[in-house]
Amino acid sequence: MLIEFSISNYRSFREKQTFSMVAAPRLKKGDNVFKPAVKGEKLPDLLKVTAIYGPNASGKSNLIKAFGVVSEIARRQPSAQSTPLPIFPFRFDQQLADQPSRIELHFVYAEQRYEFGLALTQDRIVEERLLVFPKGKETLLYERRHLPSGDEYTFGLQLEGGKDLHELWKKSTGPQVLFLVQAVANSSEELKQLREPLTWLQSGFMIVSGNMDGWADSSQELARDIPVFAKEISSFLQDVDVPVTNIRFDQADSVSSGLLQAINSKPKNKTILTHRTALGEAEFDFQEESEGTKNLIGFWLPWSIHEQSSLAKKNRTLIVDELDSSLHPEIVASLVAKHIKSDSSSQLIFTTHDTHLMDAKLLRRDQFWLTERDANGATQLRSIHDFEGRESEDLEKRYYEGRYRGLPFVRKS
């Protein structure tokens, strides 16, 4: 589960900005928080949900991209081929053009707290550090720094594997690969000290951005191959007031321009959805459905993985960019409420322009975050709880009044 995430010199982020899932004390709505399970350490409560608001081009999507960098780098396997790392420094300050982007995460996995720090350019990893906190005591596992003379490593006394294996890991690690990845790739299954934090860095985030077409295709494929998923999609749609009672798959008519194409082509399927109204039932091809229904069918897959599968019990965080562009505000509110009521320790983070949730009384002040650009074009990231105000105040009204800033400046002609 995520505790904090910090980023600097990346896209629109100049100075270090920190996004936190730590719950503020003494606020109501206790169902919106949970107690992280950590061995030998008592941590503050963490938030189940956070919503990020801000004008267009204020940095919301760049924050989501930064989360994605972590997953991408952690999944990058050792290779002799050089491929630029997905890093783009802050462009308005030329002094930062050749400086590394920096990312820092605090997280919990397998009842253990970790801190992972990373500095990198498109060409190489410049710094890498992993700390663990057994019973709350800060303990260095390893640190890597790139110097003119080469990479310099510091290994903690508690790092398992032994000196010879540490030297092997060090010599095998290329400039564009995490030492953490290389060490796990060259160690046995019994060595879990590095394997467990790497597992979370690789799969702790599930990011949904852009349109839902790809997700919708995957949902249909799953439902076609495993019929129980078709029933689950129907149930999901009905829960959000889309009256689809059945989903089936018919073989589509194929038109072939030649015998060879007919032999090599695979049979295609049409997705048929049955809608029920007070007047009876009617069937619709998937292509006839509204964009909203198509988006919901796509969103079912990441939502189902996040909320229902065993992965949810492993502290996965679902991160959705512009959730309101794919789903109706009432549906968003319904899904957020359902997530809050669940007993899962998984987390939901999303960006949005729709302020309906501010007035829905679902979330607390500390669950709303704002992005805005300063005079230098740099993103500033704040929680509404950082501003003075009462817990019971009208957040939506004050937001539009500009009390929390985070509103676009629209020039009047």
Protein backbone atom coordinates (compact mmCIF):
# COMPACT_ATOMS: atom_id res chain seq x y z
CA MET A 1 0.00 0.00 0.00
CA LEU A 2 1.19 3.50 -0.76
CA ILE A 3 2.18 5.87 2.04
CA GLU A 4 3.82 8.75 0.14
CA PHE A 5 5.11 9.50 -3.34
CA SER A 6 7.50 12.35 -4.18
CA ILE A 7 8.69 13.62 -7.56
CA SER A 8 10.99 16.42 -8.77
CA ASN A 9 12.44 17.57 -12.11
CA TYR A 10 10.00 15.49 -14.10
CA ARG A 11 7.77 16.99 -16.80
CA SER A 12 5.89 19.86 -15.09
CA PHE A 13 7.30 19.05 -11.64
CA ARG A 14 10.25 21.27 -10.78
CA GLU A 15 10.86 21.29 -7.03
CA LYS A 16 10.03 18.24 -4.94
CA GLN A 17 6.29 17.72 -4.58
CA THR A 18 4.86 15.06 -2.26
CA PHE A 19 1.57 13.24 -2.61
CA SER A 20 0.49 11.52 0.60
CA MET A 21 -2.03 8.84 1.47
CA VAL A 22 -1.52 9.44 5.22
CA ALA A 23 -4.83 10.31 6.88
CA ALA A 24 -5.06 13.51 8.90
CA PRO A 25 -5.90 12.90 12.57
CA ARG A 26 -9.21 13.75 14.19
CA LEU A 27 -11.31 13.87 11.02
CA LYS A 28 -14.59 11.96 10.86
CA LYS A 29 -15.67 9.28 8.33
CA GLY A 30 -13.61 6.48 9.86
CA ASP A 31 -14.60 4.08 7.06
CA ASN A 32 -12.49 6.14 4.66
CA VAL A 33 -9.25 5.08 6.32
CA PHE A 34 -7.61 1.83 7.34
CA LYS A 35 -4.80 0.76 9.62
CA PRO A 36 -1.80 -0.61 7.68
CA ALA A 37 -0.65 -4.00 8.90
CA VAL A 38 3.05 -3.69 9.73
CA LYS A 39 5.06 -6.02 11.96
CA GLY A 40 6.36 -4.38 15.10
CA GLU A 41 5.40 -0.84 14.11
CA LYS A 42 2.35 1.36 14.52
CA LEU A 43 1.79 3.64 11.54
CA PRO A 44 -0.80 6.38 11.05
CA ASP A 45 -4.03 5.46 9.29
CA LEU A 46 -3.93 5.53 5.50
CA LEU A 47 -6.58 6.79 3.08
CA LYS A 48 -8.57 4.38 0.95
CA VAL A 49 -9.37 6.96 -1.74
CA THR A 50 -7.99 10.27 -2.99
CA ALA A 51 -9.29 12.53 -5.78
CA ILE A 52 -6.98 14.96 -7.58
CA TYR A 53 -8.41 18.18 -9.07
CA GLY A 54 -6.90 20.98 -11.09
CA PRO A 55 -7.08 22.92 -14.37
CA ASN A 56 -6.04 21.44 -17.69
CA ALA A 57 -2.24 21.27 -18.08
CA SER A 58 -1.72 21.78 -14.34
CA GLY A 59 0.12 18.47 -13.85
CA LYS A 60 -2.52 15.92 -12.90
CA SER A 61 -1.69 13.55 -15.75
CA ASN A 62 2.04 14.10 -15.22
CA LEU A 63 1.66 12.81 -11.67
CA ILE A 64 -0.01 9.68 -13.06
CA LYS A 65 2.82 9.30 -15.60
CA ALA A 66 5.33 9.52 -12.77
CA PHE A 67 3.65 6.58 -11.03
CA GLY A 68 3.92 4.72 -14.33
CA VAL A 69 7.67 5.39 -14.52
CA VAL A 70 8.16 3.38 -11.33
CA SER A 71 6.34 0.33 -12.69
CA GLU A 72 8.08 0.55 -16.06
CA ILE A 73 11.58 0.84 -14.60
CA ALA A 74 10.92 -1.96 -12.10
CA ARG A 75 9.75 -4.26 -14.90
CA ARG A 76 12.71 -3.53 -17.16
CA GLN A 77 14.78 -6.69 -17.38
CA PRO A 78 18.57 -6.88 -17.83
CA SER A 79 19.46 -6.42 -21.50
CA ALA A 80 22.50 -5.54 -23.60
CA GLN A 81 20.37 -3.22 -25.73
CA SER A 82 20.33 0.44 -24.74
CA THR A 83 16.85 1.98 -24.64
CA PRO A 84 16.21 5.51 -23.31
CA LEU A 85 14.55 5.59 -19.91
CA PRO A 86 11.08 7.27 -19.83
CA ILE A 87 12.34 10.48 -18.22
CA PHE A 88 11.62 14.07 -19.28
CA PRO A 89 13.11 16.84 -17.10
CA PHE A 90 11.41 20.16 -16.36
CA ARG A 91 11.89 22.23 -19.52
CA PHE A 92 11.50 25.80 -18.29
CA ASP A 93 14.67 25.72 -16.21
CA GLN A 94 17.78 25.11 -18.35
CA GLN A 95 19.83 24.37 -15.23
CA LEU A 96 17.71 21.24 -14.73
CA ALA A 97 18.01 19.98 -18.30
CA ASP A 98 21.02 17.79 -17.50
CA GLN A 99 19.98 16.97 -13.95
CA PRO A 100 18.27 13.68 -13.04
CA SER A 101 14.60 13.31 -12.26
CA ARG A 102 14.02 12.11 -8.70
CA ILE A 103 11.35 9.78 -7.35
CA GLU A 104 10.83 8.63 -3.78
CA LEU A 105 8.26 6.16 -2.49
CA HIS A 106 7.23 5.08 0.98
CA PHE A 107 5.14 1.92 0.93
CA VAL A 108 4.09 -1.18 2.84
CA TYR A 109 4.19 -4.69 1.46
CA ALA A 110 4.00 -8.06 3.23
CA GLU A 111 3.65 -6.28 6.60
CA GLN A 112 6.93 -4.41 6.14
CA ARG A 113 7.59 -0.71 5.51
CA TYR A 114 10.02 0.39 2.80
CA GLU A 115 11.49 3.56 1.35
CA PHE A 116 12.74 3.44 -2.25
CA GLY A 117 14.62 6.34 -3.81
CA LEU A 118 15.58 6.76 -7.44
CA ALA A 119 17.37 9.40 -9.53
CA LEU A 120 17.68 8.87 -13.27
CA THR A 121 18.20 10.46 -16.65
CA GLN A 122 17.21 9.07 -20.04
CA ASP A 123 20.69 7.52 -20.30
CA ARG A 124 21.16 5.87 -16.93
CA ILE A 125 20.21 5.35 -13.32
CA VAL A 126 22.19 7.87 -11.28
CA GLU A 127 21.10 6.94 -7.76
CA GLU A 128 19.15 4.08 -6.21
CA ARG A 129 18.51 3.34 -2.56
CA LEU A 130 16.33 0.91 -0.62
CA LEU A 131 15.58 1.22 3.10
CA VAL A 132 13.56 -1.14 5.24
CA PHE A 133 12.12 -0.43 8.70
CA PRO A 134 12.04 -3.60 10.82
CA LYS A 135 10.11 -2.73 13.98
CA GLY A 136 10.31 0.91 12.92
CA LYS A 137 14.13 1.04 12.82
CA GLU A 138 15.56 2.56 9.63
CA THR A 139 17.89 0.02 8.00
CA LEU A 140 19.81 0.49 4.75
CA LEU A 141 19.73 -2.52 2.43
CA TYR A 142 21.78 -0.96 -0.37
CA GLU A 143 22.65 2.33 -2.02
CA ARG A 144 24.00 2.93 -5.52
CA ARG A 145 25.53 6.18 -6.81
CA HIS A 146 26.98 6.93 -10.22
CA LEU A 147 30.27 8.83 -10.00
CA PRO A 148 32.75 9.88 -12.72
CA SER A 149 34.79 6.81 -11.76
CA GLY A 150 31.81 4.49 -12.08
CA ASP A 151 29.01 3.15 -9.91
CA GLU A 152 29.69 3.13 -6.16
CA TYR A 153 27.70 0.78 -3.90
CA THR A 154 27.08 0.68 -0.18
CA PHE A 155 25.61 -2.55 1.15
CA GLY A 156 23.84 -2.67 4.50
CA LEU A 157 24.97 -5.15 7.12
CA GLN A 158 21.52 -6.79 7.04
CA LEU A 159 21.46 -7.41 3.26
CA GLU A 160 21.17 -11.12 2.65
CA GLY A 161 23.19 -13.07 0.09
CA GLY A 162 26.75 -12.52 1.28
CA LYS A 163 29.71 -10.54 -0.08
CA ASP A 164 30.41 -12.73 -3.13
CA LEU A 165 26.81 -12.60 -4.32
CA HIS A 166 26.67 -8.85 -3.72
CA GLU A 167 29.73 -8.42 -5.96
CA LEU A 168 28.09 -10.55 -8.66
CA TRP A 169 24.94 -8.44 -8.53
CA LYS A 170 26.99 -5.24 -8.69
CA LYS A 171 29.10 -6.31 -11.68
CA SER A 172 26.05 -7.58 -13.59
CA THR A 173 23.98 -4.41 -13.23
CA GLY A 174 23.83 -2.26 -16.35
CA PRO A 175 23.39 1.53 -16.37
CA GLN A 176 19.69 1.38 -17.36
CA VAL A 177 18.62 -1.44 -15.05
CA LEU A 178 17.77 -1.28 -11.37
CA PHE A 179 20.24 -3.03 -9.10
CA LEU A 180 17.14 -4.37 -7.37
CA VAL A 181 15.98 -6.06 -10.58
CA GLN A 182 19.41 -7.51 -11.34
CA ALA A 183 19.85 -8.81 -7.80
CA VAL A 184 16.51 -10.62 -7.83
CA ALA A 185 17.18 -12.04 -11.31
CA ASN A 186 20.46 -13.52 -10.05
CA SER A 187 19.26 -14.91 -6.74
CA SER A 188 17.39 -17.99 -5.60
CA GLU A 189 13.74 -18.08 -4.58
CA GLU A 190 14.81 -18.40 -0.95
CA LEU A 191 16.22 -14.86 -0.91
CA LYS A 192 13.09 -12.75 -0.35
CA GLN A 193 14.53 -9.62 1.23
CA LEU A 194 14.79 -7.82 -2.14
CA ARG A 195 12.22 -9.88 -4.01
CA GLU A 196 9.28 -8.67 -1.92
CA PRO A 197 9.77 -4.90 -2.36
CA LEU A 198 10.46 -5.46 -6.08
CA THR A 199 7.17 -7.34 -6.38
CA TRP A 200 5.30 -4.29 -5.08
CA LEU A 201 7.23 -1.84 -7.28
CA GLN A 202 6.38 -3.98 -10.33
CA SER A 203 2.72 -4.65 -9.59
CA GLY A 204 1.67 -2.37 -6.73
CA PHE A 205 0.22 0.16 -9.19
CA MET A 206 -2.42 -0.57 -11.79
CA ILE A 207 -2.72 2.51 -13.99
CA VAL A 208 -5.68 3.27 -16.25
CA SER A 209 -5.28 6.23 -18.60
CA GLY A 210 -6.51 7.20 -22.04
CA ASN A 211 -9.62 5.72 -23.60
CA MET A 212 -11.13 2.41 -22.56
CA ASP A 213 -11.06 0.71 -25.98
CA GLY A 214 -8.21 -1.66 -25.13
CA TRP A 215 -9.71 -2.54 -21.76
CA ALA A 216 -13.12 -3.13 -23.42
CA ASP A 217 -11.53 -5.53 -25.92
CA SER A 218 -9.83 -7.43 -23.11
CA SER A 219 -13.07 -7.59 -21.09
CA GLN A 220 -14.91 -9.11 -24.06
CA GLU A 221 -12.16 -11.65 -24.70
CA LEU A 222 -12.23 -12.78 -21.08
CA ALA A 223 -16.01 -13.01 -21.05
CA ARG A 224 -15.99 -15.02 -24.29
CA ASP A 225 -13.40 -17.51 -22.99
CA ILE A 226 -14.74 -17.74 -19.42
CA PRO A 227 -18.57 -17.49 -19.32
CA VAL A 228 -18.70 -16.58 -15.63
CA PHE A 229 -17.05 -13.26 -16.49
CA ALA A 230 -19.91 -12.44 -18.85
CA LYS A 231 -22.27 -12.77 -15.89
CA GLU A 232 -19.99 -10.60 -13.75
CA ILE A 233 -19.96 -7.85 -16.40
CA SER A 234 -23.76 -7.96 -16.60
CA SER A 235 -24.00 -7.71 -12.82
CA PHE A 236 -21.51 -4.80 -12.77
CA LEU A 237 -23.53 -2.93 -15.40
CA GLN A 238 -26.79 -3.49 -13.53
CA ASP A 239 -25.20 -2.21 -10.32
CA VAL A 240 -24.59 1.12 -12.07
CA ASP A 241 -28.09 1.22 -13.61
CA VAL A 242 -27.34 -0.13 -17.10
CA PRO A 243 -30.05 -2.80 -17.65
CA VAL A 244 -27.92 -5.46 -19.38
CA THR A 245 -29.18 -8.85 -18.27
CA ASN A 246 -27.13 -11.11 -20.54
CA ILE A 247 -24.01 -11.09 -22.72
CA ARG A 248 -23.36 -13.70 -25.39
CA PHE A 249 -20.98 -14.08 -28.31
CA ASP A 250 -22.00 -14.95 -31.87
CA GLN A 251 -19.64 -15.78 -34.71
CA ALA A 252 -19.48 -12.82 -37.05
CA ASP A 253 -20.09 -13.13 -40.76
CA SER A 254 -16.76 -13.22 -42.56
CA VAL A 255 -16.16 -11.84 -46.01
CA SER A 256 -13.03 -13.26 -47.65
CA SER A 257 -11.35 -11.99 -50.77
CA GLY A 258 -9.58 -15.28 -51.45
CA LEU A 259 -9.14 -18.88 -50.41
CA LEU A 260 -5.77 -18.28 -48.70
CA GLN A 261 -7.21 -15.49 -46.55
CA ALA A 262 -10.18 -17.66 -45.64
CA ILE A 263 -7.88 -20.48 -44.52
CA ASN A 264 -5.58 -18.24 -42.46
CA SER A 265 -8.20 -15.98 -40.91
CA LYS A 266 -9.49 -16.78 -37.42
CA PRO A 267 -13.24 -16.76 -36.77
CA LYS A 268 -14.39 -13.51 -35.21
CA ASN A 269 -17.12 -13.02 -32.66
CA LYS A 270 -19.77 -10.41 -32.11
CA THR A 271 -20.67 -9.33 -28.60
CA ILE A 272 -24.45 -9.27 -28.13
CA LEU A 273 -25.93 -7.54 -25.06
CA THR A 274 -29.48 -8.09 -23.89
CA HIS A 275 -31.20 -5.02 -22.42
CA ARG A 276 -34.37 -5.31 -20.34
CA THR A 277 -36.91 -2.49 -19.92
CA ALA A 278 -40.53 -2.25 -18.80
CA LEU A 279 -41.57 -3.05 -22.39
CA GLY A 280 -39.48 -6.20 -22.63
CA GLU A 281 -36.07 -7.21 -23.88
CA ALA A 282 -34.02 -6.23 -26.91
CA GLU A 283 -30.58 -7.26 -28.16
CA PHE A 284 -27.82 -4.89 -29.25
CA ASP A 285 -24.47 -5.46 -30.89
CA PHE A 286 -21.56 -4.04 -28.85
CA GLN A 287 -20.88 -1.52 -31.61
CA GLU A 288 -24.42 -0.16 -31.18
CA GLU A 289 -23.89 0.59 -27.52
CA SER A 290 -23.30 4.10 -26.21
CA GLU A 291 -19.74 5.20 -25.49
CA GLY A 292 -20.67 5.25 -21.82
CA THR A 293 -21.64 1.56 -21.82
CA LYS A 294 -18.52 0.63 -23.79
CA ASN A 295 -16.39 2.51 -21.28
CA LEU A 296 -18.08 0.71 -18.40
CA ILE A 297 -17.40 -2.67 -19.97
CA GLY A 298 -13.77 -1.65 -20.31
CA PHE A 299 -13.56 -0.29 -16.78
CA TRP A 300 -15.03 -3.52 -15.38
CA LEU A 301 -11.70 -5.31 -15.91
CA PRO A 302 -9.32 -3.11 -13.87
CA TRP A 303 -12.06 -2.52 -11.31
CA SER A 304 -12.70 -6.24 -10.94
CA ILE A 305 -9.00 -7.01 -10.63
CA HIS A 306 -8.64 -4.28 -8.04
CA GLU A 307 -11.73 -4.96 -5.94
CA GLN A 308 -12.42 -8.67 -6.20
CA SER A 309 -9.28 -10.65 -6.98
CA SER A 310 -6.67 -11.88 -4.56
CA LEU A 311 -4.40 -9.12 -5.90
CA ALA A 312 -6.52 -6.61 -3.99
CA LYS A 313 -5.49 -8.30 -0.77
CA LYS A 314 -1.86 -7.64 -1.71
CA ASN A 315 -2.20 -3.89 -1.32
CA ARG A 316 -2.54 -2.92 -4.98
CA THR A 317 -3.30 0.71 -5.80
CA LEU A 318 -5.63 1.49 -8.72
CA ILE A 319 -4.74 4.82 -10.35
CA VAL A 320 -7.14 6.27 -12.93
CA ASP A 321 -6.48 9.38 -15.00
CA GLU A 322 -9.62 11.46 -15.71
CA LEU A 323 -12.09 9.00 -14.27
CA ASP A 324 -14.98 11.34 -15.03
CA SER A 325 -14.21 11.32 -18.77
CA SER A 326 -15.17 7.65 -18.95
CA LEU A 327 -17.90 7.39 -16.32
CA HIS A 328 -20.92 9.44 -15.24
CA PRO A 329 -20.44 11.37 -11.96
CA GLU A 330 -23.15 9.34 -10.21
CA ILE A 331 -21.41 6.12 -11.27
CA VAL A 332 -18.09 7.46 -10.00
CA ALA A 333 -19.70 8.31 -6.65
CA SER A 334 -21.26 4.84 -6.48
CA LEU A 335 -17.96 3.08 -7.16
CA VAL A 336 -16.10 5.25 -4.66
CA ALA A 337 -18.73 4.50 -2.01
CA LYS A 338 -18.48 0.78 -2.73
CA HIS A 339 -14.70 0.88 -2.40
CA ILE A 340 -14.91 2.76 0.90
CA LYS A 341 -17.32 0.19 2.33
CA SER A 342 -15.12 -2.75 1.33
CA ASP A 343 -12.81 -4.31 3.90
CA SER A 344 -9.90 -4.35 1.44
CA SER A 345 -6.67 -2.49 2.15
CA SER A 346 -6.31 -1.61 -1.54
CA GLN A 347 -6.33 2.06 -2.52
CA LEU A 348 -7.98 4.13 -5.26
CA ILE A 349 -6.41 7.32 -6.67
CA PHE A 350 -7.94 9.24 -9.56
CA THR A 351 -7.83 12.59 -11.30
CA THR A 352 -11.03 14.38 -12.22
CA HIS A 353 -12.56 17.71 -13.20
CA ASP A 354 -16.00 16.88 -11.83
CA THR A 355 -16.66 18.39 -8.41
CA HIS A 356 -19.73 16.24 -7.70
CA LEU A 357 -17.76 14.23 -5.12
CA MET A 358 -17.00 17.39 -3.16
CA ASP A 359 -20.70 17.75 -2.51
CA ALA A 360 -21.48 14.04 -2.11
CA LYS A 361 -20.33 13.90 1.54
CA LEU A 362 -18.39 10.74 0.72
CA LEU A 363 -14.84 11.97 1.20
CA ARG A 364 -12.95 13.93 3.85
CA ARG A 365 -10.96 17.15 3.39
CA ASP A 366 -7.67 15.22 3.33
CA GLN A 367 -8.88 13.07 0.43
CA PHE A 368 -8.98 15.98 -2.04
CA TRP A 369 -5.75 17.06 -3.69
CA LEU A 370 -5.16 20.00 -6.03
CA THR A 371 -2.65 20.76 -8.76
CA GLU A 372 -1.88 24.22 -10.12
CA ARG A 373 0.87 25.89 -12.15
CA ASP A 374 2.99 28.63 -10.63
CA ALA A 375 4.48 31.61 -12.51
CA ASN A 376 7.36 29.40 -13.69
CA GLY A 377 5.04 26.79 -15.19
CA ALA A 378 5.81 24.31 -12.41
CA THR A 379 3.21 22.10 -10.77
CA GLN A 380 2.35 22.73 -7.14
CA LEU A 381 0.60 19.87 -5.36
CA ARG A 382 -1.48 20.43 -2.19
CA SER A 383 -4.18 18.81 -0.12
CA ILE A 384 -7.32 20.79 0.65
CA HIS A 385 -6.60 19.94 4.28
CA ASP A 386 -3.53 22.21 4.01
CA PHE A 387 -5.89 25.20 3.79
CA GLU A 388 -7.71 26.58 6.80
CA GLY A 389 -11.33 25.55 7.09
CA ARG A 390 -13.91 23.55 8.99
CA GLU A 391 -14.51 19.87 8.39
CA SER A 392 -18.18 20.57 7.63
CA GLU A 393 -17.64 23.44 5.17
CA ASP A 394 -18.98 23.35 1.61
CA LEU A 395 -15.88 22.18 -0.24
CA GLU A 396 -17.35 22.52 -3.71
CA LYS A 397 -18.50 26.10 -3.10
CA ARG A 398 -15.16 27.14 -1.63
CA TYR A 399 -13.32 25.45 -4.48
CA TYR A 400 -15.22 27.50 -7.07
CA GLU A 401 -14.69 30.61 -4.98
CA GLY A 402 -10.97 30.03 -5.38
CA ARG A 403 -10.36 29.51 -1.64
CA TYR A 404 -8.18 26.48 -2.37
CA ARG A 405 -6.82 27.84 -5.66
CA GLY A 406 -6.45 25.11 -8.30
CA LEU A 407 -8.87 26.89 -10.70
CA PRO A 408 -8.05 27.84 -14.30
CA PHE A 409 -7.52 31.51 -15.06
CA VAL A 410 -9.81 32.20 -18.01
CA ARG A 411 -9.05 35.43 -19.81
CA LYS A 412 -12.15 37.47 -20.59
CA SER A 413 -12.34 39.17 -23.98
